[in-house]
């Protein structure tokens, strides 16, 4: 019991210490600088334009989904083969 109490006391005291590196890091501004200004939603939407989904877009997404499903099946088969007795 005594070693545990001693360890807890020392850990608590270490947590109360001032570390110059930590304090200095809190005062450093972020690399990104100031946050961007807020803009009205209508302006943002007008700038974004309209999104169009074409048959080509649909075909691309379906092809990617099929490729990902095939990859998942291959990974599952590898996993089953690796864990087989």
C-alpha atoms as a PDB file:
ATOM      1  CA  UNK A   1       0.000   0.000   0.000  1.00  0.00           C
ATOM      2  CA  UNK A   2       2.814   2.426   0.839  1.00  0.00           C
ATOM      3  CA  UNK A   3       4.551   2.183  -2.571  1.00  0.00           C
ATOM      4  CA  UNK A   4       1.252   2.803  -4.342  1.00  0.00           C
ATOM      5  CA  UNK A   5       0.542   5.849  -2.184  1.00  0.00           C
ATOM      6  CA  UNK A   6       4.058   7.175  -2.758  1.00  0.00           C
ATOM      7  CA  UNK A   7       3.733   6.688  -6.515  1.00  0.00           C
ATOM      8  CA  UNK A   8       0.330   8.412  -6.593  1.00  0.00           C
ATOM      9  CA  UNK A   9       1.687  11.355  -4.597  1.00  0.00           C
ATOM     10  CA  UNK A  10       4.718  11.760  -6.857  1.00  0.00           C
ATOM     11  CA  UNK A  11       2.568  11.500  -9.980  1.00  0.00           C
ATOM     12  CA  UNK A  12       0.200  14.150  -8.637  1.00  0.00           C
ATOM     13  CA  UNK A  13       3.078  16.471  -7.811  1.00  0.00           C
ATOM     14  CA  UNK A  14       4.590  16.002 -11.268  1.00  0.00           C
ATOM     15  CA  UNK A  15       1.267  16.949 -12.810  1.00  0.00           C
ATOM     16  CA  UNK A  16       1.303  20.261 -10.927  1.00  0.00           C
ATOM     17  CA  UNK A  17       4.703  21.332 -12.255  1.00  0.00           C
ATOM     18  CA  UNK A  18       5.098  24.120 -14.809  1.00  0.00           C
ATOM     19  CA  UNK A  19       6.823  22.908 -17.937  1.00  0.00           C
ATOM     20  CA  UNK A  20       8.253  25.811 -19.987  1.00  0.00           C
ATOM     21  CA  UNK A  21       7.896  23.873 -23.254  1.00  0.00           C
ATOM     22  CA  UNK A  22       4.186  23.334 -22.689  1.00  0.00           C
ATOM     23  CA  UNK A  23       3.549  26.904 -21.636  1.00  0.00           C
ATOM     24  CA  UNK A  24       5.513  28.252 -24.621  1.00  0.00           C
ATOM     25  CA  UNK A  25       3.598  25.996 -27.007  1.00  0.00           C
ATOM     26  CA  UNK A  26       0.292  27.413 -25.799  1.00  0.00           C
ATOM     27  CA  UNK A  27       1.334  30.932 -26.776  1.00  0.00           C
ATOM     28  CA  UNK A  28       2.386  30.047 -30.339  1.00  0.00           C
ATOM     29  CA  UNK A  29      -0.173  31.028 -32.982  1.00  0.00           C
ATOM     30  CA  UNK A  30      -1.345  28.297 -35.317  1.00  0.00           C
ATOM     31  CA  UNK A  31       0.309  27.885 -38.695  1.00  0.00           C
ATOM     32  CA  UNK A  32      -2.987  28.523 -40.467  1.00  0.00           C
ATOM     33  CA  UNK A  33      -3.331  31.998 -38.962  1.00  0.00           C
ATOM     34  CA  UNK A  34      -6.710  33.599 -38.514  1.00  0.00           C
ATOM     35  CA  UNK A  35      -9.804  31.595 -39.393  1.00  0.00           C
ATOM     36  CA  UNK A  36     -11.541  32.525 -42.647  1.00  0.00           C
ATOM     37  CA  UNK A  37     -14.342  35.053 -42.368  1.00  0.00           C
ATOM     38  CA  UNK A  38     -17.923  33.826 -42.270  1.00  0.00           C
ATOM     39  CA  UNK A  39     -19.871  34.428 -45.470  1.00  0.00           C
ATOM     40  CA  UNK A  40     -23.570  34.347 -46.265  1.00  0.00           C
ATOM     41  CA  UNK A  41     -24.765  30.923 -47.375  1.00  0.00           C
ATOM     42  CA  UNK A  42     -26.324  32.272 -50.571  1.00  0.00           C
ATOM     43  CA  UNK A  43     -22.930  33.587 -51.718  1.00  0.00           C
ATOM     44  CA  UNK A  44     -21.251  30.265 -51.015  1.00  0.00           C
ATOM     45  CA  UNK A  45     -23.944  28.293 -52.847  1.00  0.00           C
ATOM     46  CA  UNK A  46     -23.836  30.626 -55.854  1.00  0.00           C
ATOM     47  CA  UNK A  47     -20.073  30.242 -56.039  1.00  0.00           C
ATOM     48  CA  UNK A  48     -20.293  26.456 -55.817  1.00  0.00           C
ATOM     49  CA  UNK A  49     -22.410  26.167 -58.946  1.00  0.00           C
ATOM     50  CA  UNK A  50     -24.659  23.279 -59.739  1.00  0.00           C
ATOM     51  CA  UNK A  51     -23.577  19.700 -59.408  1.00  0.00           C
ATOM     52  CA  UNK A  52     -24.564  17.420 -62.234  1.00  0.00           C
ATOM     53  CA  UNK A  53     -24.594  13.672 -62.195  1.00  0.00           C
ATOM     54  CA  UNK A  54     -24.247  12.248 -65.664  1.00  0.00           C
ATOM     55  CA  UNK A  55     -24.507   8.661 -66.838  1.00  0.00           C
ATOM     56  CA  UNK A  56     -20.704   8.694 -67.030  1.00  0.00           C
ATOM     57  CA  UNK A  57     -20.474   9.715 -63.371  1.00  0.00           C
ATOM     58  CA  UNK A  58     -22.853   6.930 -62.401  1.00  0.00           C
ATOM     59  CA  UNK A  59     -20.832   4.384 -64.366  1.00  0.00           C
ATOM     60  CA  UNK A  60     -17.601   5.533 -62.713  1.00  0.00           C
ATOM     61  CA  UNK A  61     -19.092   5.230 -59.231  1.00  0.00           C
ATOM     62  CA  UNK A  62     -20.549   1.800 -59.972  1.00  0.00           C
ATOM     63  CA  UNK A  63     -17.205   0.594 -61.359  1.00  0.00           C
ATOM     64  CA  UNK A  64     -15.395   1.834 -58.272  1.00  0.00           C
ATOM     65  CA  UNK A  65     -17.944   0.135 -56.009  1.00  0.00           C
ATOM     66  CA  UNK A  66     -17.520  -3.143 -57.899  1.00  0.00           C
ATOM     67  CA  UNK A  67     -13.736  -2.902 -57.598  1.00  0.00           C
ATOM     68  CA  UNK A  68     -13.999  -2.250 -53.858  1.00  0.00           C
ATOM     69  CA  UNK A  69     -16.355  -5.205 -53.396  1.00  0.00           C
ATOM     70  CA  UNK A  70     -13.922  -7.454 -55.271  1.00  0.00           C
ATOM     71  CA  UNK A  71     -11.069  -6.199 -53.122  1.00  0.00           C
ATOM     72  CA  UNK A  72     -13.077  -6.868 -49.957  1.00  0.00           C
ATOM     73  CA  UNK A  73     -13.856 -10.414 -51.124  1.00  0.00           C
ATOM     74  CA  UNK A  74     -10.168 -11.020 -51.852  1.00  0.00           C
ATOM     75  CA  UNK A  75      -9.163  -9.706 -48.433  1.00  0.00           C
ATOM     76  CA  UNK A  76     -11.788 -11.877 -46.733  1.00  0.00           C
ATOM     77  CA  UNK A  77     -10.564 -14.923 -48.652  1.00  0.00           C
ATOM     78  CA  UNK A  78      -6.960 -14.183 -47.628  1.00  0.00           C
ATOM     79  CA  UNK A  79      -8.050 -13.815 -44.015  1.00  0.00           C
ATOM     80  CA  UNK A  80      -9.930 -17.118 -44.085  1.00  0.00           C
ATOM     81  CA  UNK A  81      -6.944 -18.860 -45.663  1.00  0.00           C
ATOM     82  CA  UNK A  82      -4.590 -17.422 -43.050  1.00  0.00           C
ATOM     83  CA  UNK A  83      -6.759 -18.528 -40.122  1.00  0.00           C
ATOM     84  CA  UNK A  84      -7.634 -21.970 -41.487  1.00  0.00           C
ATOM     85  CA  UNK A  85      -6.218 -24.850 -39.431  1.00  0.00           C
END
